[in-house]
Amino acid sequence: MTDNEVMELSKRQQNKEERIQLIIQEAEHLFLENGFEKVQMQDIADAAGIGVATLFRYFPKKDQLIVAAAVKNLQPTLERFEQFVNEEGNAYERLEIILNHFFEMQLERTDHARFREAFESYASFVATPLPGIETYIDVQRRIMQTLEPLIEDGKRDGSFRPDIDVKVTIVTIINAFGTFGNNIMLKSHISYLEDDIEPAVQINVLKEVLLASIRA
């Protein structure tokens, strides 16, 4: 293969990857705006400026595209976790940074958080596992694996309690905090709450309780 042929092949591959990313980006926007069930493949093709037959070549089923959008949506969380665990400070302080980040995201109700909530609800109620869901689960696994250095540092620097299983506790803290915060913010418009126990107050209280449960 000549150098020109190699360059041409590389260019075609790059164009293909860019088109796939555009499709996923447009699909994510439509899914969030209109709901997974209502969006049709033709809608996504139109938004991406391609023919529906081309779209089906990349994603033969809509559920495959839904998972691809969910993986793209989750990827920034992996990158942020990698950043947070390498921040300065002891392990406890870095765990607090992670929870503070979640807290801010929950209060802002970002599109990132809203899409993940909608996807996980959708994926939980389908009759059979979504095609490619293993990829989404693998990103979740990698997110948790980024916490390993934090766990080991906490054992060494003494900032976590020595009488508990640190790994189990941290994973539970992150899951509990994320689930509660997202849930209470989702229901805030249909729940009566006094000013002193509004969602932001409750989320902050839970954060302090969870941090206290692991602090040395």
Protein backbone atom coordinates (compact mmCIF):
# COMPACT_ATOMS: atom_id res chain seq x y z
CA MET A 1 0.00 0.00 0.00
CA THR A 2 1.41 3.38 -1.02
CA ASP A 3 1.73 6.37 1.29
CA ASN A 4 -1.12 8.11 -0.55
CA GLU A 5 -3.37 5.07 -0.11
CA VAL A 6 -2.53 4.94 3.60
CA MET A 7 -3.35 8.63 3.96
CA GLU A 8 -6.60 8.20 2.05
CA LEU A 9 -7.60 5.25 4.24
CA SER A 10 -6.75 7.24 7.36
CA LYS A 11 -8.79 10.18 6.12
CA ARG A 12 -11.81 7.98 5.39
CA GLN A 13 -11.57 6.46 8.87
CA GLN A 14 -11.37 9.93 10.43
CA ASN A 15 -14.42 11.07 8.47
CA LYS A 16 -16.30 7.95 9.59
CA GLU A 17 -15.45 8.58 13.26
CA GLU A 18 -16.48 12.22 13.00
CA ARG A 19 -19.79 11.22 11.42
CA ILE A 20 -20.45 8.68 14.15
CA GLN A 21 -19.74 11.25 16.84
CA LEU A 22 -22.08 13.74 15.14
CA ILE A 23 -24.83 11.10 15.00
CA ILE A 24 -24.39 10.29 18.69
CA GLN A 25 -24.35 13.98 19.63
CA GLU A 26 -27.56 14.72 17.74
CA ALA A 27 -29.22 11.57 19.08
CA GLU A 28 -28.36 12.49 22.67
CA HIS A 29 -29.89 15.92 22.20
CA LEU A 30 -33.09 14.51 20.68
CA PHE A 31 -33.43 11.76 23.29
CA LEU A 32 -33.11 14.28 26.10
CA GLU A 33 -35.49 16.75 24.49
CA ASN A 34 -38.23 14.33 23.38
CA GLY A 35 -37.71 11.04 25.23
CA PHE A 36 -36.26 7.77 24.00
CA GLU A 37 -39.55 6.25 22.87
CA LYS A 38 -40.72 9.22 20.78
CA VAL A 39 -37.53 9.81 18.80
CA GLN A 40 -37.41 7.93 15.49
CA MET A 41 -34.31 6.99 13.52
CA GLN A 42 -35.47 9.31 10.74
CA ASP A 43 -35.43 12.21 13.22
CA ILE A 44 -31.82 11.46 14.11
CA ALA A 45 -30.79 11.07 10.48
CA ASP A 46 -32.36 14.43 9.64
CA ALA A 47 -30.63 16.13 12.56
CA ALA A 48 -27.26 14.65 11.54
CA GLY A 49 -27.77 15.57 7.88
CA ILE A 50 -27.53 12.02 6.57
CA GLY A 51 -29.86 9.48 4.98
CA VAL A 52 -31.65 7.07 7.27
CA ALA A 53 -30.09 4.14 5.38
CA THR A 54 -26.65 5.50 6.26
CA LEU A 55 -27.69 5.80 9.89
CA PHE A 56 -28.81 2.17 9.96
CA ARG A 57 -25.42 1.10 8.58
CA TYR A 58 -23.78 2.59 11.66
CA PHE A 59 -26.51 1.69 14.14
CA PRO A 60 -28.84 -1.11 12.97
CA LYS A 61 -31.08 -0.65 16.04
CA LYS A 62 -32.15 2.48 17.88
CA ASP A 63 -31.28 0.88 21.22
CA GLN A 64 -27.66 0.56 20.06
CA LEU A 65 -27.59 4.29 19.45
CA ILE A 66 -29.21 4.95 22.83
CA VAL A 67 -26.42 3.01 24.54
CA ALA A 68 -23.75 4.77 22.45
CA ALA A 69 -25.17 8.13 23.57
CA ALA A 70 -25.18 6.95 27.19
CA VAL A 71 -21.53 5.86 26.95
CA LYS A 72 -20.59 9.25 25.49
CA ASN A 73 -22.54 10.95 28.27
CA LEU A 74 -20.76 8.95 30.98
CA GLN A 75 -17.22 9.41 29.63
CA PRO A 76 -16.72 12.92 31.15
CA THR A 77 -17.49 11.46 34.58
CA LEU A 78 -14.60 9.02 34.15
CA GLU A 79 -12.30 11.89 33.16
CA ARG A 80 -13.38 14.00 36.15
CA PHE A 81 -12.86 11.11 38.58
CA GLU A 82 -9.36 10.61 37.20
CA GLN A 83 -8.73 14.31 37.80
CA PHE A 84 -10.23 14.40 41.30
CA VAL A 85 -8.33 11.42 42.70
CA ASN A 86 -5.08 13.13 41.68
CA GLU A 87 -5.87 16.42 43.38
CA GLU A 88 -3.71 17.62 46.25
CA GLY A 89 -4.69 16.79 49.80
CA ASN A 90 -5.32 13.64 51.76
CA ALA A 91 -7.75 10.93 50.66
CA TYR A 92 -10.64 12.29 52.71
CA GLU A 93 -10.26 15.77 51.20
CA ARG A 94 -10.26 14.32 47.69
CA LEU A 95 -13.39 12.27 48.43
CA GLU A 96 -15.03 15.48 49.61
CA ILE A 97 -14.10 17.12 46.29
CA ILE A 98 -15.87 14.30 44.43
CA LEU A 99 -19.05 14.66 46.50
CA ASN A 100 -18.97 18.45 46.14
CA HIS A 101 -18.83 17.98 42.37
CA PHE A 102 -21.88 15.72 42.48
CA PHE A 103 -23.63 18.24 44.70
CA GLU A 104 -23.07 21.06 42.22
CA MET A 105 -24.22 18.93 39.28
CA GLN A 106 -27.40 17.94 41.10
CA LEU A 107 -28.25 21.54 41.94
CA GLU A 108 -27.59 22.71 38.39
CA ARG A 109 -29.63 19.85 36.91
CA THR A 110 -27.26 19.74 33.94
CA ASP A 111 -28.21 18.01 30.70
CA HIS A 112 -25.47 15.50 31.51
CA ALA A 113 -27.17 14.46 34.74
CA ARG A 114 -30.68 14.54 33.31
CA PHE A 115 -29.72 12.31 30.39
CA ARG A 116 -28.09 9.75 32.65
CA GLU A 117 -31.17 9.62 34.88
CA ALA A 118 -33.44 9.16 31.87
CA PHE A 119 -31.20 6.49 30.34
CA GLU A 120 -30.85 4.42 33.48
CA SER A 121 -34.61 4.56 34.02
CA TYR A 122 -35.19 3.47 30.41
CA ALA A 123 -32.61 0.68 30.60
CA SER A 124 -34.06 -0.61 33.86
CA PHE A 125 -37.54 -1.18 32.41
CA VAL A 126 -36.80 -2.73 29.01
CA ALA A 127 -37.73 -6.40 28.69
CA THR A 128 -34.25 -7.53 27.64
CA PRO A 129 -30.80 -5.97 28.21
CA LEU A 130 -30.00 -3.23 25.73
CA PRO A 131 -27.53 -4.24 22.99
CA GLY A 132 -24.07 -3.01 23.95
CA ILE A 133 -25.02 -2.27 27.57
CA GLU A 134 -21.82 -4.08 28.58
CA THR A 135 -19.86 -1.09 27.26
CA TYR A 136 -21.78 1.26 29.52
CA ILE A 137 -21.24 -1.03 32.50
CA ASP A 138 -17.54 -1.22 31.67
CA VAL A 139 -17.22 2.59 31.84
CA GLN A 140 -18.93 2.48 35.24
CA ARG A 141 -16.44 -0.18 36.32
CA ARG A 142 -13.53 1.97 35.16
CA ILE A 143 -14.92 4.94 37.11
CA MET A 144 -14.92 2.85 40.28
CA GLN A 145 -11.43 1.55 39.49
CA THR A 146 -10.13 5.13 39.46
CA LEU A 147 -10.93 5.19 43.18
CA GLU A 148 -8.38 2.47 44.00
CA PRO A 149 -5.48 4.94 44.61
CA LEU A 150 -7.79 7.03 46.80
CA ILE A 151 -8.72 3.96 48.84
CA GLU A 152 -5.08 2.96 49.31
CA ASP A 153 -4.03 6.52 50.16
CA GLY A 154 -6.80 6.70 52.77
CA LYS A 155 -5.45 3.59 54.45
CA ARG A 156 -1.92 5.01 54.50
CA ASP A 157 -2.54 8.64 55.42
CA GLY A 158 -5.01 7.84 58.21
CA SER A 159 -7.75 10.14 56.94
CA PHE A 160 -10.26 7.26 56.77
CA ARG A 161 -11.48 5.18 59.67
CA PRO A 162 -9.29 2.09 60.15
CA ASP A 163 -12.14 -0.09 61.46
CA ILE A 164 -14.19 -0.29 58.24
CA ASP A 165 -13.92 -1.78 54.77
CA VAL A 166 -12.88 1.43 52.99
CA LYS A 167 -13.63 0.23 49.46
CA VAL A 168 -17.16 -0.94 50.28
CA THR A 169 -17.83 2.25 52.23
CA ILE A 170 -16.62 4.63 49.50
CA VAL A 171 -18.54 2.85 46.74
CA THR A 172 -21.66 2.88 48.91
CA ILE A 173 -21.20 6.57 49.74
CA ILE A 174 -20.89 7.57 46.09
CA ASN A 175 -23.82 5.43 44.94
CA ALA A 176 -26.06 6.53 47.82
CA PHE A 177 -25.23 10.20 47.40
CA GLY A 178 -25.70 10.18 43.64
CA THR A 179 -28.96 8.23 43.76
CA PHE A 180 -30.52 10.26 46.57
CA GLY A 181 -29.53 13.62 45.11
CA ASN A 182 -30.80 12.84 41.63
CA ASN A 183 -34.01 11.37 42.98
CA ILE A 184 -34.92 14.23 45.28
CA MET A 185 -34.15 16.87 42.65
CA LEU A 186 -36.21 14.96 40.09
CA LYS A 187 -39.22 15.01 42.42
CA SER A 188 -38.74 18.53 43.76
CA HIS A 189 -41.47 20.03 41.57
CA ILE A 190 -44.11 17.61 42.90
CA SER A 191 -43.10 17.47 46.58
CA TYR A 192 -44.05 19.88 49.34
CA LEU A 193 -41.01 20.92 51.35
CA GLU A 194 -40.50 23.66 53.90
CA ASP A 195 -37.77 26.17 53.17
CA ASP A 196 -35.40 24.74 55.74
CA ILE A 197 -35.60 21.21 54.31
CA GLU A 198 -35.60 21.92 50.57
CA PRO A 199 -33.66 19.50 48.32
CA ALA A 200 -30.36 21.40 48.43
CA VAL A 201 -30.41 21.37 52.23
CA GLN A 202 -31.17 17.66 52.38
CA ILE A 203 -28.47 16.79 49.85
CA ASN A 204 -25.91 18.79 51.83
CA VAL A 205 -26.97 17.12 55.08
CA LEU A 206 -26.59 13.68 53.49
CA LYS A 207 -23.16 14.65 52.18
CA GLU A 208 -22.00 15.59 55.67
CA VAL A 209 -23.47 12.41 57.17
CA LEU A 210 -21.76 10.21 54.59
CA LEU A 211 -18.42 11.96 54.96
CA ALA A 212 -18.65 11.68 58.74
CA SER A 213 -19.19 7.93 58.41
CA ILE A 214 -15.73 7.44 56.90
CA ARG A 215 -13.71 10.28 58.45
CA ALA A 216 -11.06 9.13 60.94
